[in-house]
Amino acid sequence: NTIVSGPLLLTNTTIHGFLNLRNAVVDRFEDEIESWPEQNMLLIDGYEYGAIFGNSPIDASQRLKWLALQPTKNKLHGFRPQPYEQLVKVLRAMGHERDARKIAIAKQKEMRNTLGPLARIWSWILRISTGYGYETWRAFIGMALMVLIGTGVFWFAGNGDMQSTTDGAHIPAFNAFIYSLDTFLPIVDLHQESYWLPQSEFYKWYLWFHISIGWILTTIAVAAFTGLFKDE
């Protein structure tokens, strides 16, 4: 390993060929876009640094271009998560949480290409629903959207297709929004699902779908909120 106790300066220079920093350890480094090597010429797997300083580009969009200079597309090098994880760690320590989050998401997107079919589908679901746990608001937007769609579907069903499941004077009046919410959220009992059921096959199938998506999205939302999907 190459260990540099002071700063590593990669400025005012032109690099021809590979820039090999694999397993190097430096206190901090400064670079500039003009001094970056060409595509597939940056080797930084195992490269550890404490900070990025000076006029170095910090924003995620530029640093993702830097990471993309690695030869990760060929079989010899392949995808390496460490350069992403190191950059996330440093940016977060420097107070650039938003940029760190974007790099973490980008790492997961790149990893998706190395997964099998089922794992890749699950990765897509996590990306869309929670941003791999870094954009938890996505899950709640998806949940709200499904409840609204369910409200519309059950409103149409309420015009003659919904039938009470019991006889008695204390059956609550059917409410499409409350019914959608009650069937979508697991465990919660809003006194609609247990009293009303659709009769036609279409609405029965939609109800099954609505309940299933509710379980899935609610579970994903709770896991994302507790940080289960994050790996940094």
Protein backbone atom coordinates (compact mmCIF):
# COMPACT_ATOMS: atom_id res chain seq x y z
CA ASN A 1 0.00 0.00 0.00
CA THR A 2 1.07 3.57 -0.69
CA ILE A 3 0.60 5.80 2.35
CA VAL A 4 0.85 9.60 2.08
CA SER A 5 0.81 11.36 5.44
CA GLY A 6 0.11 14.76 3.88
CA PRO A 7 -2.16 15.93 1.05
CA LEU A 8 -2.10 14.44 -2.43
CA LEU A 9 -2.22 17.15 -5.11
CA LEU A 10 -3.58 16.16 -8.51
CA THR A 11 -3.83 19.62 -10.05
CA ASN A 12 -2.15 21.51 -12.90
CA THR A 13 -1.13 18.28 -14.53
CA THR A 14 -2.04 16.11 -17.48
CA ILE A 15 -2.22 12.38 -16.90
CA HIS A 16 -1.45 10.05 -19.79
CA GLY A 17 -2.39 6.44 -19.24
CA PHE A 18 -3.58 4.99 -15.95
CA LEU A 19 -3.85 6.85 -12.67
CA ASN A 20 -3.36 3.97 -10.27
CA LEU A 21 -4.39 4.77 -6.69
CA ARG A 22 -5.51 1.28 -5.74
CA ASN A 23 -5.09 0.64 -2.01
CA ALA A 24 -3.40 4.02 -1.54
CA VAL A 25 -4.03 5.84 1.75
CA VAL A 26 -3.78 9.64 1.91
CA ASP A 27 -4.69 12.27 4.45
CA ARG A 28 -6.67 14.29 1.88
CA PHE A 29 -6.48 15.12 -1.78
CA GLU A 30 -7.15 17.92 -4.21
CA ASP A 31 -7.90 17.44 -7.88
CA GLU A 32 -9.53 19.17 -10.82
CA ILE A 33 -11.54 17.99 -13.78
CA GLU A 34 -8.83 19.04 -16.24
CA SER A 35 -6.36 16.69 -14.54
CA TRP A 36 -8.58 13.62 -14.51
CA PRO A 37 -7.38 10.67 -16.62
CA GLU A 38 -9.25 9.46 -19.68
CA GLN A 39 -12.13 7.01 -19.62
CA ASN A 40 -11.24 3.58 -18.17
CA MET A 41 -7.92 4.91 -16.88
CA LEU A 42 -8.80 5.60 -13.22
CA LEU A 43 -8.00 2.83 -10.73
CA ILE A 44 -9.21 3.72 -7.23
CA ASP A 45 -10.46 0.47 -5.72
CA GLY A 46 -9.23 0.49 -2.11
CA TYR A 47 -8.23 4.17 -2.30
CA GLU A 48 -8.78 5.77 1.12
CA TYR A 49 -8.72 9.49 1.87
CA GLY A 50 -9.85 11.62 4.77
CA ALA A 51 -11.18 14.62 2.87
CA ILE A 52 -11.40 16.40 -0.47
CA PHE A 53 -10.11 19.95 -0.22
CA GLY A 54 -9.18 23.08 -2.16
CA ASN A 55 -11.02 23.75 -5.41
CA SER A 56 -11.83 20.09 -6.01
CA PRO A 57 -15.33 19.42 -7.38
CA ILE A 58 -17.56 18.26 -4.56
CA ASP A 59 -21.07 18.03 -6.00
CA ALA A 60 -22.40 14.57 -6.72
CA SER A 61 -22.87 15.09 -10.46
CA GLN A 62 -19.16 15.82 -10.96
CA ARG A 63 -17.97 13.11 -8.59
CA LEU A 64 -20.14 10.55 -10.36
CA LYS A 65 -18.35 11.45 -13.61
CA TRP A 66 -15.08 10.87 -11.74
CA LEU A 67 -16.22 7.45 -10.56
CA ALA A 68 -17.39 6.61 -14.07
CA LEU A 69 -13.78 6.90 -15.31
CA GLN A 70 -13.07 3.51 -13.71
CA PRO A 71 -12.86 0.51 -16.08
CA THR A 72 -15.79 -1.22 -14.39
CA LYS A 73 -17.39 -2.48 -17.59
CA ASN A 74 -14.76 -5.13 -18.37
CA LYS A 75 -14.44 -8.54 -16.72
CA LEU A 76 -10.98 -7.84 -15.28
CA HIS A 77 -12.08 -4.97 -13.06
CA GLY A 78 -15.87 -5.24 -12.85
CA PHE A 79 -17.95 -3.20 -10.44
CA ARG A 80 -16.23 -2.20 -7.19
CA PRO A 81 -18.41 -0.77 -4.40
CA GLN A 82 -15.53 0.56 -2.27
CA PRO A 83 -14.89 3.77 -4.27
CA TYR A 84 -18.56 4.71 -3.87
CA GLU A 85 -18.61 3.84 -0.17
CA GLN A 86 -15.43 5.80 0.49
CA LEU A 87 -16.80 8.88 -1.29
CA VAL A 88 -20.09 8.64 0.62
CA LYS A 89 -18.20 8.42 3.90
CA VAL A 90 -16.03 11.46 3.13
CA LEU A 91 -18.81 13.65 1.76
CA ARG A 92 -20.97 12.86 4.76
CA ALA A 93 -18.11 13.70 7.15
CA MET A 94 -17.63 16.99 5.27
CA GLY A 95 -21.30 17.88 5.75
CA HIS A 96 -22.43 17.25 2.17
CA GLU A 97 -25.24 14.88 3.10
CA ARG A 98 -27.32 15.46 -0.03
CA ASP A 99 -24.39 14.70 -2.34
CA ALA A 100 -23.48 11.66 -0.22
CA ARG A 101 -27.04 10.37 -0.58
CA LYS A 102 -26.91 10.73 -4.37
CA ILE A 103 -23.65 8.80 -4.53
CA ALA A 104 -25.12 6.04 -2.33
CA ILE A 105 -28.12 5.73 -4.64
CA ALA A 106 -25.85 5.66 -7.69
CA LYS A 107 -23.88 2.81 -6.12
CA GLN A 108 -27.02 0.73 -5.76
CA LYS A 109 -28.01 1.46 -9.38
CA GLU A 110 -24.61 0.30 -10.61
CA MET A 111 -24.77 -2.81 -8.43
CA ARG A 112 -28.10 -3.72 -10.01
CA ASN A 113 -26.30 -4.67 -13.23
CA THR A 114 -24.41 -7.41 -11.35
CA LEU A 115 -27.53 -9.05 -9.90
CA GLY A 116 -29.63 -11.96 -11.07
CA PRO A 117 -33.12 -11.47 -12.57
CA LEU A 118 -35.14 -11.68 -9.33
CA ALA A 119 -32.68 -9.58 -7.33
CA ARG A 120 -32.67 -7.02 -10.14
CA ILE A 121 -36.46 -6.77 -10.03
CA TRP A 122 -36.33 -6.27 -6.25
CA SER A 123 -33.66 -3.61 -6.75
CA TRP A 124 -35.97 -1.79 -9.18
CA ILE A 125 -38.80 -1.95 -6.64
CA LEU A 126 -36.59 -0.45 -3.93
CA ARG A 127 -35.36 2.24 -6.30
CA ILE A 128 -38.84 3.33 -7.30
CA SER A 129 -40.46 2.98 -3.88
CA THR A 130 -37.81 4.35 -1.50
CA GLY A 131 -34.71 5.36 -3.45
CA TYR A 132 -32.95 2.40 -1.80
CA GLY A 133 -33.91 3.73 1.61
CA TYR A 134 -32.45 7.20 1.04
CA GLU A 135 -35.68 8.81 -0.26
CA THR A 136 -38.30 7.42 2.10
CA TRP A 137 -40.83 10.02 0.98
CA ARG A 138 -41.27 8.00 -2.22
CA ALA A 139 -42.97 5.19 -0.28
CA PHE A 140 -45.48 7.54 1.34
CA ILE A 141 -46.29 9.17 -2.00
CA GLY A 142 -46.90 5.72 -3.47
CA MET A 143 -49.12 4.79 -0.55
CA ALA A 144 -51.14 8.00 -0.83
CA LEU A 145 -51.54 7.46 -4.57
CA MET A 146 -52.80 3.91 -4.10
CA VAL A 147 -55.32 5.04 -1.47
CA LEU A 148 -56.62 7.70 -3.86
CA ILE A 149 -56.88 5.20 -6.72
CA GLY A 150 -58.67 2.80 -4.40
CA THR A 151 -61.05 5.57 -3.37
CA GLY A 152 -62.04 6.06 -7.00
CA VAL A 153 -62.47 2.34 -7.68
CA PHE A 154 -64.50 1.72 -4.52
CA TRP A 155 -66.60 4.81 -5.17
CA PHE A 156 -67.75 3.21 -8.41
CA ALA A 157 -68.26 -0.09 -6.58
CA GLY A 158 -70.34 1.73 -3.99
CA ASN A 159 -72.97 2.47 -6.61
CA GLY A 160 -74.67 -0.88 -6.18
CA ASP A 161 -71.85 -3.43 -6.03
CA MET A 162 -70.90 -3.23 -2.34
CA GLN A 163 -72.88 -5.48 -0.04
CA SER A 164 -72.83 -5.57 3.75
CA THR A 165 -71.43 -8.71 5.29
CA THR A 166 -73.78 -8.75 8.25
CA ASP A 167 -77.33 -7.79 9.17
CA GLY A 168 -78.06 -5.30 11.87
CA ALA A 169 -78.77 -1.71 12.69
CA HIS A 170 -75.18 -0.79 13.52
CA ILE A 171 -73.58 -1.25 10.10
CA PRO A 172 -71.51 1.87 9.31
CA ALA A 173 -72.38 3.71 6.14
CA PHE A 174 -70.09 2.82 3.25
CA ASN A 175 -67.37 5.43 2.63
CA ALA A 176 -65.08 4.84 -0.38
CA PHE A 177 -62.11 6.75 1.05
CA ILE A 178 -62.25 5.12 4.49
CA TYR A 179 -62.77 1.72 2.87
CA SER A 180 -59.74 2.25 0.64
CA LEU A 181 -57.65 3.29 3.65
CA ASP A 182 -58.94 0.46 5.81
CA THR A 183 -58.19 -2.26 3.25
CA PHE A 184 -54.83 -0.77 2.28
CA LEU A 185 -53.30 -0.40 5.76
CA PRO A 186 -52.53 -3.70 7.51
CA ILE A 187 -53.75 -4.23 11.09
CA VAL A 188 -55.66 -0.91 11.18
CA ASP A 189 -59.40 -1.35 11.68
CA LEU A 190 -61.53 1.59 10.54
CA HIS A 191 -64.77 -0.44 10.65
CA GLN A 192 -65.29 -0.58 6.90
CA GLU A 193 -63.49 -3.68 5.59
CA SER A 194 -65.19 -6.02 8.03
CA TYR A 195 -68.67 -4.74 7.09
CA TRP A 196 -68.54 -4.32 3.30
CA LEU A 197 -67.44 -6.51 0.38
CA PRO A 198 -67.75 -6.08 -3.40
CA GLN A 199 -69.78 -8.64 -5.34
CA SER A 200 -68.49 -8.53 -8.93
CA GLU A 201 -65.29 -10.36 -9.91
CA PHE A 202 -63.56 -7.20 -11.11
CA TYR A 203 -63.92 -5.41 -7.80
CA LYS A 204 -63.04 -8.56 -5.86
CA TRP A 205 -59.80 -8.90 -7.83
CA TYR A 206 -59.01 -5.23 -7.34
CA LEU A 207 -59.66 -5.54 -3.61
CA TRP A 208 -57.18 -8.43 -3.43
CA PHE A 209 -54.63 -6.38 -5.38
CA HIS A 210 -55.25 -3.31 -3.21
CA ILE A 211 -54.71 -5.27 0.01
CA SER A 212 -51.54 -6.96 -1.35
CA ILE A 213 -49.96 -3.68 -2.48
CA GLY A 214 -50.87 -2.22 0.90
CA TRP A 215 -48.92 -4.93 2.72
CA ILE A 216 -45.94 -4.58 0.38
CA LEU A 217 -45.69 -0.79 0.42
CA THR A 218 -46.33 -0.51 4.14
CA THR A 219 -43.62 -3.07 4.89
CA ILE A 220 -41.18 -1.32 2.56
CA ALA A 221 -42.01 2.07 4.07
CA VAL A 222 -41.41 0.86 7.63
CA ALA A 223 -38.15 -0.85 6.62
CA ALA A 224 -36.96 2.25 4.77
CA PHE A 225 -37.89 4.54 7.64
CA THR A 226 -35.90 2.42 10.09
CA GLY A 227 -32.89 2.38 7.74
CA LEU A 228 -33.04 -1.35 7.00
CA PHE A 229 -32.20 -0.89 3.30
CA LYS A 230 -29.23 1.39 3.86
CA ASP A 231 -25.78 -0.13 3.91
CA GLU A 232 -23.75 2.94 4.86
